[in-house]
Amino acid sequence: MNRRIDLDVRVDWRASVSLVGTVVKYLSVALLLPLSTALYYGNGIITFGFAILFAVTVGSLLERLDPDPDLGAREGFLMVGLTWLAVALVGAVPYLVAGNGTVAEPANALFESMSGFTTTGATVMGDISFGTHSRALMIWRQQTQWLGGMGIVVLAVAILPELSVGGAQLMDAEAPGPGIEKLTPRIAETARVLWLVYLAFTVVEFVLLYTLHLGGFAPNMTLYNAVAHPLTTMPTGGFSPEARSIEAFSAVVQWVIIPFMVAAGTNFALFWHVIRREPSNLFADNEFRLYAGVMGALSAVVAVILFTGPALGGPGTPVEVAGETESSLRHAAFQVVSIVTTTGYASMDFELWNGPAKYALLFAMFIGGSAGSTGGGIKIIRWLVILKSIRRELFTTVHPEAVRPVRLAGRALDERALRGIYAFTLLYVVLFFVGAFLIAVDASRVGLDITEIEAVTASAATLGNIGPGLGMVGPMGSYLDFPSSSKLLMVGLMWIGRLEIIPVLVLLTSGYWRS
C-alpha cells in the first residue's frame, strides 16, 4: 500500500517531515530561556524540563524518516506549512503541562500557541497574572511571538546548514508576497542579516525601557517587563504580561514604543541599507512613504475625533482624551500604529471610543505592514500596486492605444506578478467573509450572543494576525467565550494568514501532489 502511494505522489513528504523534525528538535534550545526563568523563580521547572524532552524526542523521531533529505520546490511548500503547525503544537505543551487557568484546555492551549507563533496576539488566557501563571510560562508566551516574528523558517535557514541550499525557496514559501530582497550573495547570510537587525532593535528597545524605569519615568517597567515587551513589540505580536496591556505604563513608555512598532512594520531590508550608510534608500522607497503617510494621516484624523469628540464617558473610565492635546495625539498614534502594523497593543480601551474613531481602526485592520516586515495583513505594497493598477486602467480607458506598465521602484512589474497580487487580495477578502460567517453561525449554534461587528472583527483580527478586534474581542477582552470549534477555525485563520494564503491553498490542490 505504501509503495503505491510513493509511486503516485510526486512530493517527497518524508524529506519535508524530516526537516520539520529538525526545526522541532532545535525548538528545545528556545525552551532554555523559560527553563532558566523557572530555575530563577523556582516555579515551572518540571513544565519546561518535560517540554524540552518532548521537543527533542519528537523532533529526533521525525528526522529519522529521511536521514538525507533533498529539498525541492514542492517539498519546500510542504515543509513550511507543516513547520508552522508543528511548532504551534509543541508550543502548546507548556500550557498543558503547567495545567493552570483556561489555557490548560487543549483547544485553548493550541489557540494561545498559534496566536503566539503567528504574532497574532489574540488570547484565551482568562486571567493574565502571575498569580495564576508562572513567570516562566509568561516569558514563553512572549518568546513564541519573538521566534515567529521574523519567521521560524527564516531563522532555520540562518542557523541550520542543511537548509542553506533550498533556503531561497523556503523563504519565498514562508513570505510569498513581493519577494524578500537578497541583501547578500548567499541566502543564509541574508537570513542572518535580517535576524541580526531584528535582534538589534529588540536589544535597543529593552535598554530604553529599562533606562526609563531606572530613571523613575516608568515605575511599572520592571526588568521582567523590560525584557518581555521588546519580545512582543518587534514581532508585532502584542502579548503583554500586563492584563491592561500598555495602558499599565506611563505616557513616556507609550511614546517610546510607538517608533519601535513603526520599525517592526517596515521592510527590514531598508534598515540594512541604512546601516550601510545608504539612508536615502529608506526615504526613497515608495512603499515606506505610503506606509508612513497612511499612518500619519489616520493618526491625525483619529486624534481630531478624540480631541473634539465627547468625553469618554461612563463610570470607571480610566483615561480622558477629549480636549487633551497630548493625550489625543498619543492614543490616536499608538492605536493606529498598533493596528496598521498588526501589533495589537492597547494604550487604552478603544472599545470606549465613539463610532467614527472605532471605524477608523476597523479600516486600519485591512492595511497591514510592509513586505519584508514582521507585520501581517494584506500589506501596504499590495495596496500600492493595486492603486497604480487602477490609475493605469483609468488612463488606458481614455487612451486605449497606450502601453503603460505598472512600475514599482522604477521597474515594470510583469503581468504575472500583478495577477498574483490581485488573486491574493481577492482570496483574503473571501476568506475574511467566510471566516466571519462561520464564526457567527457557530456562535449561534451554541447560543453565544455576539454582534455582527464582533464576528467580523474576530475574523479580520485572526486572519490578519492583528489580535484585538471590537466588542467582546476588544483590547481588554479575549476570545475565551467562543466555542472550541470557533477557536480551531481561528487557529486555521491565523495559520493561513501568517503564510499569506497561497502556500496553504497550494497544498490543497491535487496538482501539487500528483503529476
Protein backbone atom coordinates (compact mmCIF):
# COMPACT_ATOMS: atom_id res chain seq x y z
CA MET A 1 0.00 0.00 0.00
CA ASN A 2 2.76 2.39 0.96
CA ARG A 3 4.66 1.52 -2.21
CA ARG A 4 1.64 2.52 -4.31
CA ILE A 5 1.48 5.91 -2.58
CA ASP A 6 5.19 6.50 -3.26
CA LEU A 7 4.62 5.80 -6.95
CA ASP A 8 1.66 8.16 -7.32
CA VAL A 9 2.72 11.05 -5.16
CA ARG A 10 5.30 13.42 -6.61
CA VAL A 11 6.09 15.14 -3.34
CA ASP A 12 8.86 13.65 -1.22
CA TRP A 13 6.90 14.13 2.00
CA ARG A 14 9.48 12.22 4.04
CA ALA A 15 12.11 14.85 3.25
CA SER A 16 9.71 17.64 4.28
CA VAL A 17 8.65 15.96 7.53
CA SER A 18 12.26 15.09 8.35
CA LEU A 19 13.24 18.77 8.13
CA VAL A 20 10.21 19.74 10.20
CA GLY A 21 11.61 17.35 12.80
CA THR A 22 14.94 19.20 12.69
CA VAL A 23 13.20 22.51 13.41
CA VAL A 24 11.15 20.94 16.22
CA LYS A 25 14.28 19.43 17.76
CA TYR A 26 16.05 22.79 17.80
CA LEU A 27 12.96 24.45 19.28
CA SER A 28 14.17 22.83 22.51
CA VAL A 29 17.04 25.36 22.55
CA ALA A 30 14.49 28.20 22.68
CA LEU A 31 12.84 26.50 25.66
CA LEU A 32 16.03 27.02 27.68
CA LEU A 33 15.08 30.67 28.38
CA PRO A 34 11.80 29.83 30.15
CA LEU A 35 13.58 26.91 31.86
CA SER A 36 16.19 29.36 33.15
CA THR A 37 13.40 31.68 34.30
CA ALA A 38 11.74 28.73 36.04
CA LEU A 39 15.00 27.87 37.80
CA TYR A 40 15.45 31.50 38.91
CA TYR A 41 11.94 31.85 40.32
CA GLY A 42 11.64 28.22 41.44
CA ASN A 43 8.39 27.62 39.58
CA GLY A 44 7.72 25.73 36.34
CA ILE A 45 10.90 23.61 36.21
CA ILE A 46 9.09 20.33 35.51
CA THR A 47 6.91 22.01 32.86
CA PHE A 48 9.82 23.17 30.76
CA GLY A 49 12.01 20.16 31.50
CA PHE A 50 9.25 17.97 30.04
CA ALA A 51 8.70 20.34 27.10
CA ILE A 52 12.40 20.17 26.16
CA LEU A 53 12.39 16.38 26.38
CA PHE A 54 9.21 16.24 24.26
CA ALA A 55 10.63 18.53 21.54
CA VAL A 56 13.91 16.61 21.32
CA THR A 57 12.17 13.21 21.23
CA VAL A 58 9.52 14.11 18.66
CA GLY A 59 11.99 16.06 16.52
CA SER A 60 14.52 13.23 16.51
CA LEU A 61 11.89 10.64 15.57
CA LEU A 62 10.65 12.76 12.67
CA GLU A 63 14.22 13.33 11.46
CA ARG A 64 14.67 9.56 11.06
CA LEU A 65 12.09 9.48 8.26
CA ASP A 66 14.77 10.72 5.86
CA PRO A 67 18.39 10.92 7.09
CA ASP A 68 19.47 12.78 3.93
CA PRO A 69 16.52 14.96 2.81
CA ASP A 70 16.64 16.52 -0.64
CA LEU A 71 14.53 19.66 -0.78
CA GLY A 72 12.73 20.72 -3.99
CA ALA A 73 10.13 23.43 -4.53
CA ARG A 74 7.19 21.14 -3.67
CA GLU A 75 8.90 19.82 -0.57
CA GLY A 76 9.61 23.42 0.44
CA PHE A 77 5.91 24.35 0.44
CA LEU A 78 5.02 21.28 2.50
CA MET A 79 7.90 21.79 4.92
CA VAL A 80 6.98 25.44 5.59
CA GLY A 81 3.29 24.72 6.09
CA LEU A 82 3.91 21.77 8.41
CA THR A 83 6.59 23.63 10.36
CA TRP A 84 4.16 26.33 11.49
CA LEU A 85 1.65 23.68 12.57
CA ALA A 86 4.30 21.62 14.33
CA VAL A 87 5.82 24.48 16.34
CA ALA A 88 2.35 25.61 17.41
CA LEU A 89 1.56 22.08 18.62
CA VAL A 90 4.85 21.75 20.51
CA GLY A 91 4.46 25.30 21.82
CA ALA A 92 1.15 24.30 23.41
CA VAL A 93 2.82 21.63 25.55
CA PRO A 94 3.96 24.00 28.36
CA TYR A 95 0.41 25.37 28.74
CA LEU A 96 -0.98 21.83 29.02
CA VAL A 97 1.70 20.53 31.40
CA ALA A 98 1.51 23.59 33.66
CA GLY A 99 -2.22 22.94 33.94
CA ASN A 100 -3.16 26.38 35.24
CA GLY A 101 -6.02 28.60 34.14
CA THR A 102 -8.01 28.49 30.92
CA VAL A 103 -5.01 27.72 28.69
CA ALA A 104 -4.75 24.24 30.24
CA GLU A 105 -7.63 23.11 27.99
CA PRO A 106 -6.26 21.58 24.72
CA ALA A 107 -8.10 23.84 22.23
CA ASN A 108 -7.19 26.90 24.27
CA ALA A 109 -3.55 25.85 24.55
CA LEU A 110 -3.30 25.39 20.79
CA PHE A 111 -5.06 28.74 20.21
CA GLU A 112 -2.66 30.57 22.54
CA SER A 113 0.36 28.87 21.00
CA MET A 114 -0.67 29.51 17.38
CA SER A 115 -1.55 33.10 18.31
CA GLY A 116 1.94 33.46 19.75
CA PHE A 117 3.96 31.97 16.89
CA THR A 118 1.92 33.75 14.22
CA THR A 119 2.32 37.01 16.24
CA THR A 120 -1.45 37.46 16.28
CA GLY A 121 -1.75 38.38 19.95
CA ALA A 122 -5.34 37.16 20.36
CA THR A 123 -5.67 35.46 23.72
CA VAL A 124 -7.85 32.96 25.54
CA MET A 125 -5.99 33.46 28.80
CA GLY A 126 -8.77 34.28 31.23
CA ASP A 127 -6.54 35.65 33.96
CA ILE A 128 -3.36 37.34 32.76
CA SER A 129 -1.45 37.47 36.03
CA PHE A 130 1.48 35.94 37.84
CA GLY A 131 -0.99 34.76 40.46
CA THR A 132 -2.30 32.13 38.02
CA HIS A 133 0.66 31.60 35.69
CA SER A 134 4.36 31.29 36.42
CA ARG A 135 6.78 33.90 35.12
CA ALA A 136 8.44 31.14 33.10
CA LEU A 137 5.17 30.34 31.28
CA MET A 138 4.53 34.02 30.64
CA ILE A 139 8.02 34.58 29.20
CA TRP A 140 7.44 31.52 26.93
CA ARG A 141 4.22 33.20 25.77
CA GLN A 142 6.19 36.32 24.79
CA GLN A 143 9.06 34.32 23.34
CA THR A 144 6.83 32.42 20.93
CA GLN A 145 5.98 35.76 19.34
CA TRP A 146 9.62 36.79 19.06
CA LEU A 147 10.52 33.46 17.42
CA GLY A 148 7.63 33.75 14.98
CA GLY A 149 8.15 37.42 14.15
CA MET A 150 10.95 37.32 11.61
CA GLY A 151 9.95 33.78 10.69
CA ILE A 152 10.67 30.33 12.07
CA VAL A 153 11.86 29.13 8.67
CA VAL A 154 14.00 32.24 8.08
CA LEU A 155 15.66 31.52 11.42
CA ALA A 156 16.14 27.88 10.46
CA VAL A 157 17.73 28.90 7.14
CA ALA A 158 20.03 31.28 9.03
CA ILE A 159 21.37 28.76 11.52
CA LEU A 160 20.90 25.27 10.01
CA PRO A 161 23.44 24.43 7.27
CA GLU A 162 21.21 21.66 5.85
CA LEU A 163 18.64 24.29 4.80
CA SER A 164 21.04 26.72 3.14
CA VAL A 165 20.72 25.09 -0.31
CA GLY A 166 16.94 25.37 -0.55
CA GLY A 167 16.76 28.47 1.63
CA ALA A 168 15.50 30.85 -1.05
CA GLN A 169 12.55 28.58 -1.87
CA LEU A 170 11.71 28.20 1.81
CA MET A 171 11.80 31.92 2.50
CA ASP A 172 9.64 32.61 -0.54
CA ALA A 173 7.17 29.97 0.63
CA GLU A 174 7.03 31.46 4.12
CA ALA A 175 6.51 35.03 2.91
CA PRO A 176 5.20 34.62 -0.62
CA GLY A 177 4.33 38.28 -1.19
CA PRO A 178 6.58 40.65 -3.08
CA GLY A 179 9.88 38.82 -2.56
CA ILE A 180 12.45 39.13 0.17
CA GLU A 181 15.28 41.28 -1.09
CA LYS A 182 18.51 39.34 -1.39
CA LEU A 183 20.90 41.53 0.61
CA THR A 184 23.97 39.33 0.29
CA PRO A 185 25.13 36.75 -2.29
CA ARG A 186 24.10 33.86 -0.02
CA ILE A 187 20.50 33.46 1.11
CA ALA A 188 21.56 32.03 4.51
CA GLU A 189 23.64 35.16 5.07
CA THR A 190 20.65 37.32 4.11
CA ALA A 191 18.56 35.45 6.69
CA ARG A 192 21.22 36.10 9.33
CA VAL A 193 21.32 39.82 8.43
CA LEU A 194 17.55 40.11 8.83
CA TRP A 195 17.66 38.35 12.21
CA LEU A 196 20.60 40.49 13.40
CA VAL A 197 18.71 43.71 12.57
CA TYR A 198 15.66 42.27 14.35
CA LEU A 199 17.78 41.36 17.40
CA ALA A 200 19.43 44.78 17.47
CA PHE A 201 16.06 46.60 17.59
CA THR A 202 14.92 44.25 20.37
CA VAL A 203 18.00 44.99 22.48
CA VAL A 204 17.78 48.77 21.92
CA GLU A 205 14.12 48.80 22.98
CA PHE A 206 14.98 46.79 26.12
CA VAL A 207 17.74 49.24 27.05
CA LEU A 208 15.48 52.28 26.56
CA LEU A 209 12.56 50.82 28.53
CA TYR A 210 14.68 49.71 31.46
CA THR A 211 16.57 53.02 31.47
CA LEU A 212 13.22 54.81 31.80
CA HIS A 213 12.46 52.60 34.78
CA LEU A 214 15.81 53.28 36.42
CA GLY A 215 15.32 57.00 35.78
CA GLY A 216 11.96 57.00 37.53
CA PHE A 217 9.88 57.65 34.37
CA ALA A 218 8.35 54.16 34.17
CA PRO A 219 7.60 52.74 37.61
CA ASN A 220 5.92 49.57 36.31
CA MET A 221 8.58 48.81 33.68
CA THR A 222 10.48 46.34 35.83
CA LEU A 223 13.37 44.26 34.48
CA TYR A 224 10.91 41.45 33.68
CA ASN A 225 8.59 43.79 31.78
CA ALA A 226 11.52 45.47 30.04
CA VAL A 227 12.56 42.05 28.70
CA ALA A 228 9.03 40.85 27.93
CA HIS A 229 7.76 43.82 25.90
CA PRO A 230 10.52 44.09 23.27
CA LEU A 231 9.93 40.35 22.68
CA THR A 232 6.38 41.21 21.58
CA THR A 233 6.87 44.67 20.06
CA MET A 234 9.39 43.82 17.36
CA PRO A 235 7.47 40.79 16.05
CA THR A 236 4.29 42.97 16.00
CA GLY A 237 2.85 40.43 18.43
CA GLY A 238 1.10 42.31 21.20
CA PHE A 239 1.19 39.75 24.03
CA SER A 240 1.85 41.68 27.24
CA PRO A 241 2.24 40.14 30.71
CA GLU A 242 0.04 43.01 31.90
CA ALA A 243 -3.74 42.46 31.72
CA ARG A 244 -4.24 46.13 30.70
CA SER A 245 -1.54 45.88 28.00
CA ILE A 246 0.48 49.11 27.56
CA GLU A 247 -2.16 51.10 29.43
CA ALA A 248 -0.40 49.79 32.54
CA PHE A 249 2.60 52.03 31.79
CA SER A 250 3.34 55.73 31.78
CA ALA A 251 2.81 58.05 28.82
CA VAL A 252 6.54 58.22 28.09
CA VAL A 253 6.67 54.42 27.72
CA GLN A 254 3.82 54.58 25.21
CA TRP A 255 5.65 57.26 23.19
CA VAL A 256 8.84 55.16 23.20
CA ILE A 257 7.06 52.02 21.98
CA ILE A 258 5.39 53.78 19.01
CA PRO A 259 8.57 54.16 16.86
CA PHE A 260 9.53 50.54 17.54
CA MET A 261 6.14 49.39 16.27
CA VAL A 262 6.69 51.57 13.18
CA ALA A 263 10.13 49.98 12.69
CA ALA A 264 8.68 46.48 13.09
CA GLY A 265 6.17 47.17 10.30
CA THR A 266 8.92 48.48 7.97
CA ASN A 267 10.77 46.37 5.42
CA PHE A 268 13.84 45.24 7.39
CA ALA A 269 15.96 45.24 4.25
CA LEU A 270 15.70 49.06 4.26
CA PHE A 271 17.38 49.17 7.67
CA TRP A 272 20.25 47.14 6.26
CA HIS A 273 20.75 49.87 3.68
CA VAL A 274 20.68 52.48 6.46
CA ILE A 275 23.35 50.56 8.36
CA ARG A 276 25.45 50.52 5.18
CA ARG A 277 25.21 54.34 5.10
CA GLU A 278 22.63 54.40 2.34
CA PRO A 279 19.76 56.08 4.25
CA SER A 280 18.36 57.59 1.07
CA ASN A 281 17.07 54.11 0.17
CA LEU A 282 14.68 54.29 3.14
CA PHE A 283 13.08 57.61 2.28
CA ALA A 284 13.11 57.00 -1.47
CA ASP A 285 11.16 53.76 -1.07
CA ASN A 286 7.60 54.22 -2.35
CA GLU A 287 6.18 51.59 -0.02
CA PHE A 288 7.75 53.17 3.08
CA ARG A 289 6.49 56.64 2.13
CA LEU A 290 2.94 55.34 1.62
CA TYR A 291 3.18 53.31 4.88
CA ALA A 292 4.31 56.34 6.88
CA GLY A 293 1.84 58.63 5.12
CA VAL A 294 -1.16 56.39 5.78
CA MET A 295 -0.32 56.03 9.46
CA GLY A 296 0.30 59.76 9.82
CA ALA A 297 -2.96 60.71 8.11
CA LEU A 298 -5.05 58.16 10.01
CA SER A 299 -3.47 59.18 13.32
CA ALA A 300 -4.28 62.84 12.63
CA VAL A 301 -7.90 62.03 11.78
CA VAL A 302 -8.39 59.89 14.88
CA ALA A 303 -6.66 62.49 17.08
CA VAL A 304 -9.07 65.17 15.88
CA ILE A 305 -12.03 62.85 16.51
CA LEU A 306 -10.79 62.09 20.02
CA PHE A 307 -9.95 65.72 20.81
CA THR A 308 -13.25 67.15 19.61
CA GLY A 309 -15.45 64.18 20.45
CA PRO A 310 -17.49 63.59 23.55
CA ALA A 311 -15.52 62.84 26.69
CA LEU A 312 -15.02 59.13 27.14
CA GLY A 313 -17.91 58.54 29.39
CA GLY A 314 -19.13 56.20 31.97
CA PRO A 315 -18.12 55.21 35.42
CA GLY A 316 -14.68 53.66 35.65
CA THR A 317 -13.37 55.29 32.51
CA PRO A 318 -9.65 55.32 33.16
CA VAL A 319 -8.47 57.96 30.70
CA GLU A 320 -9.77 61.30 29.49
CA VAL A 321 -8.74 62.35 25.98
CA ALA A 322 -11.37 64.87 24.77
CA GLY A 323 -9.87 68.35 24.90
CA GLU A 324 -6.45 66.95 25.87
CA THR A 325 -3.96 67.60 23.04
CA GLU A 326 -1.12 65.34 24.13
CA SER A 327 -3.42 62.54 25.24
CA SER A 328 -5.44 62.66 21.98
CA LEU A 329 -2.31 62.59 19.85
CA ARG A 330 -0.66 59.82 21.87
CA HIS A 331 -3.60 57.45 21.98
CA ALA A 332 -4.53 58.09 18.34
CA ALA A 333 -0.96 57.50 17.12
CA PHE A 334 -0.46 54.48 19.38
CA GLN A 335 -3.66 52.69 18.35
CA VAL A 336 -3.41 53.47 14.66
CA VAL A 337 0.22 52.30 14.51
CA SER A 338 -0.60 49.25 16.63
CA ILE A 339 -3.44 48.18 14.31
CA VAL A 340 -1.79 49.05 10.97
CA THR A 341 1.38 47.17 11.91
CA THR A 342 -0.80 44.36 13.38
CA THR A 343 0.96 44.63 16.74
CA GLY A 344 -2.25 44.67 18.74
CA TYR A 345 -1.08 46.53 21.83
CA ALA A 346 -3.54 48.88 23.54
CA SER A 347 -2.67 52.15 25.26
CA MET A 348 -6.29 52.37 26.44
CA ASP A 349 -9.56 50.54 25.92
CA PHE A 350 -10.51 51.82 22.45
CA GLU A 351 -13.79 49.98 22.85
CA LEU A 352 -14.77 53.15 24.78
CA TRP A 353 -14.15 55.37 21.71
CA ASN A 354 -17.05 56.76 19.70
CA GLY A 355 -18.18 55.20 16.42
CA PRO A 356 -16.07 57.16 13.87
CA ALA A 357 -12.84 56.54 15.80
CA LYS A 358 -13.56 52.80 16.06
CA TYR A 359 -14.46 52.60 12.35
CA ALA A 360 -11.12 54.22 11.53
CA LEU A 361 -9.40 51.37 13.41
CA LEU A 362 -11.58 48.82 11.59
CA PHE A 363 -10.39 50.32 8.28
CA ALA A 364 -6.78 50.15 9.55
CA MET A 365 -7.13 46.38 10.09
CA PHE A 366 -7.10 45.86 6.30
CA ILE A 367 -3.91 47.81 5.58
CA GLY A 368 -1.10 45.74 7.11
CA GLY A 369 2.66 46.24 7.42
CA SER A 370 5.32 46.37 4.72
CA ALA A 371 6.73 43.48 2.71
CA GLY A 372 9.79 42.08 4.47
CA SER A 373 8.50 43.24 7.86
CA THR A 374 7.12 41.29 10.79
CA GLY A 375 3.65 42.80 10.23
CA GLY A 376 0.71 40.82 8.86
CA GLY A 377 -2.44 41.73 6.94
CA ILE A 378 -2.79 42.43 3.23
CA LYS A 379 0.39 44.57 3.32
CA ILE A 380 0.84 48.11 2.13
CA ILE A 381 2.81 47.19 -1.00
CA ARG A 382 -0.16 45.28 -2.42
CA TRP A 383 -2.39 48.32 -1.93
CA LEU A 384 0.28 50.45 -3.63
CA VAL A 385 0.31 48.15 -6.67
CA ILE A 386 -3.49 47.99 -6.76
CA LEU A 387 -3.72 51.80 -6.67
CA LYS A 388 -1.19 52.05 -9.50
CA SER A 389 -3.16 49.44 -11.47
CA ILE A 390 -6.39 51.39 -11.03
CA ARG A 391 -4.65 54.55 -12.25
CA ARG A 392 -3.34 52.64 -15.28
CA GLU A 393 -6.79 51.32 -16.09
CA LEU A 394 -8.28 54.81 -15.92
CA PHE A 395 -5.52 56.12 -18.20
CA THR A 396 -5.77 53.35 -20.79
CA THR A 397 -9.56 53.71 -20.84
CA VAL A 398 -9.09 57.26 -22.08
CA HIS A 399 -6.05 56.34 -24.23
CA PRO A 400 -6.71 52.76 -25.47
CA GLU A 401 -3.65 52.80 -27.73
CA ALA A 402 -1.27 53.48 -24.83
CA VAL A 403 1.04 50.83 -23.37
CA ARG A 404 1.63 51.74 -19.74
CA PRO A 405 3.18 49.14 -17.41
CA VAL A 406 2.75 49.33 -13.64
CA ARG A 407 6.07 50.37 -12.19
CA LEU A 408 7.49 49.83 -8.73
CA ALA A 409 10.83 51.33 -7.71
CA GLY A 410 11.35 52.27 -11.35
CA ARG A 411 10.89 48.70 -12.60
CA ALA A 412 7.95 47.48 -14.65
CA LEU A 413 6.02 44.69 -12.92
CA ASP A 414 5.15 41.77 -15.14
CA GLU A 415 1.50 40.84 -15.53
CA ARG A 416 2.02 37.54 -13.68
CA ALA A 417 3.11 39.41 -10.54
CA LEU A 418 0.09 41.70 -10.86
CA ARG A 419 -2.28 38.73 -11.19
CA GLY A 420 -0.69 37.21 -8.06
CA ILE A 421 -1.40 40.38 -6.08
CA TYR A 422 -5.00 40.57 -7.35
CA ALA A 423 -5.53 36.88 -6.52
CA PHE A 424 -4.12 37.24 -3.02
CA THR A 425 -6.26 40.28 -2.23
CA LEU A 426 -9.40 38.59 -3.56
CA LEU A 427 -8.67 35.40 -1.61
CA TYR A 428 -8.00 37.43 1.53
CA VAL A 429 -11.37 39.19 1.29
CA VAL A 430 -13.20 35.92 0.53
CA LEU A 431 -11.56 34.12 3.46
CA PHE A 432 -12.35 37.06 5.73
CA PHE A 433 -16.07 36.92 4.87
CA VAL A 434 -16.19 33.11 5.08
CA GLY A 435 -14.46 33.24 8.47
CA ALA A 436 -16.87 35.89 9.80
CA PHE A 437 -19.87 33.89 8.53
CA LEU A 438 -18.70 30.61 10.09
CA ILE A 439 -17.87 32.31 13.41
CA ALA A 440 -21.34 33.87 13.53
CA VAL A 441 -23.05 30.56 12.66
CA ASP A 442 -21.00 28.62 15.21
CA ALA A 443 -21.71 31.18 17.94
CA SER A 444 -25.42 30.95 17.15
CA ARG A 445 -25.20 27.13 17.31
CA VAL A 446 -24.05 27.21 20.93
CA GLY A 447 -26.23 30.17 21.94
CA LEU A 448 -23.36 32.66 22.25
CA ASP A 449 -24.78 36.13 21.72
CA ILE A 450 -22.34 38.08 19.54
CA THR A 451 -22.92 41.03 17.23
CA GLU A 452 -22.09 41.16 13.54
CA ILE A 453 -19.20 43.56 14.25
CA GLU A 454 -17.73 41.11 16.78
CA ALA A 455 -17.86 38.24 14.24
CA VAL A 456 -16.38 40.47 11.54
CA THR A 457 -13.54 41.82 13.67
CA ALA A 458 -12.77 38.37 15.13
CA SER A 459 -12.28 37.07 11.59
CA ALA A 460 -10.29 40.13 10.48
CA ALA A 461 -8.12 40.14 13.62
CA THR A 462 -7.16 36.47 13.38
CA LEU A 463 -6.72 36.25 9.59
CA GLY A 464 -4.69 39.48 9.63
CA ASN A 465 -2.67 38.36 12.70
CA ILE A 466 -3.75 41.55 14.45
CA GLY A 467 -5.14 40.29 17.79
CA PRO A 468 -7.75 42.61 19.26
CA GLY A 469 -10.99 43.43 17.49
CA LEU A 470 -14.07 45.20 18.75
CA GLY A 471 -16.72 44.26 21.30
CA MET A 472 -16.04 41.12 23.32
CA VAL A 473 -12.73 40.64 21.47
CA GLY A 474 -11.69 44.24 22.16
CA PRO A 475 -8.31 45.27 23.58
CA MET A 476 -9.26 44.40 27.14
CA GLY A 477 -11.38 41.37 26.15
CA SER A 478 -10.49 37.86 24.96
CA TYR A 479 -11.58 35.03 22.66
CA LEU A 480 -12.21 32.72 25.60
CA ASP A 481 -16.02 32.61 25.32
CA PHE A 482 -16.04 31.26 21.77
CA PRO A 483 -16.74 27.51 21.44
CA SER A 484 -13.79 25.22 20.76
CA SER A 485 -14.91 24.75 17.15
CA SER A 486 -14.65 28.52 16.52
CA LYS A 487 -11.28 28.64 18.24
CA LEU A 488 -9.97 25.86 15.99
CA LEU A 489 -11.34 27.73 12.98
CA MET A 490 -9.46 30.83 14.14
CA VAL A 491 -6.30 28.73 14.63
CA GLY A 492 -6.64 27.89 10.94
CA LEU A 493 -7.17 31.54 10.02
CA MET A 494 -4.06 32.58 11.95
CA TRP A 495 -2.02 29.84 10.24
CA ILE A 496 -3.30 30.74 6.76
CA GLY A 497 -2.84 34.45 7.41
CA ARG A 498 0.75 34.05 8.60
CA LEU A 499 1.68 32.08 5.49
CA GLU A 500 -0.18 34.59 3.29
CA ILE A 501 -2.78 32.11 2.00
CA ILE A 502 -1.22 30.89 -1.26
CA PRO A 503 1.21 28.26 0.18
CA VAL A 504 -1.61 26.72 2.22
CA LEU A 505 -4.04 26.60 -0.69
CA VAL A 506 -1.34 25.12 -2.92
CA LEU A 507 -1.13 22.15 -0.53
CA LEU A 508 -4.86 21.55 -1.01
CA THR A 509 -4.68 21.18 -4.81
CA SER A 510 -4.41 17.72 -6.38
CA GLY A 511 -1.96 19.07 -8.98
CA TYR A 512 0.53 19.80 -6.23
CA TRP A 513 0.57 16.18 -5.06
CA ARG A 514 0.48 14.40 -8.40
CA SER A 515 1.87 14.75 -11.89
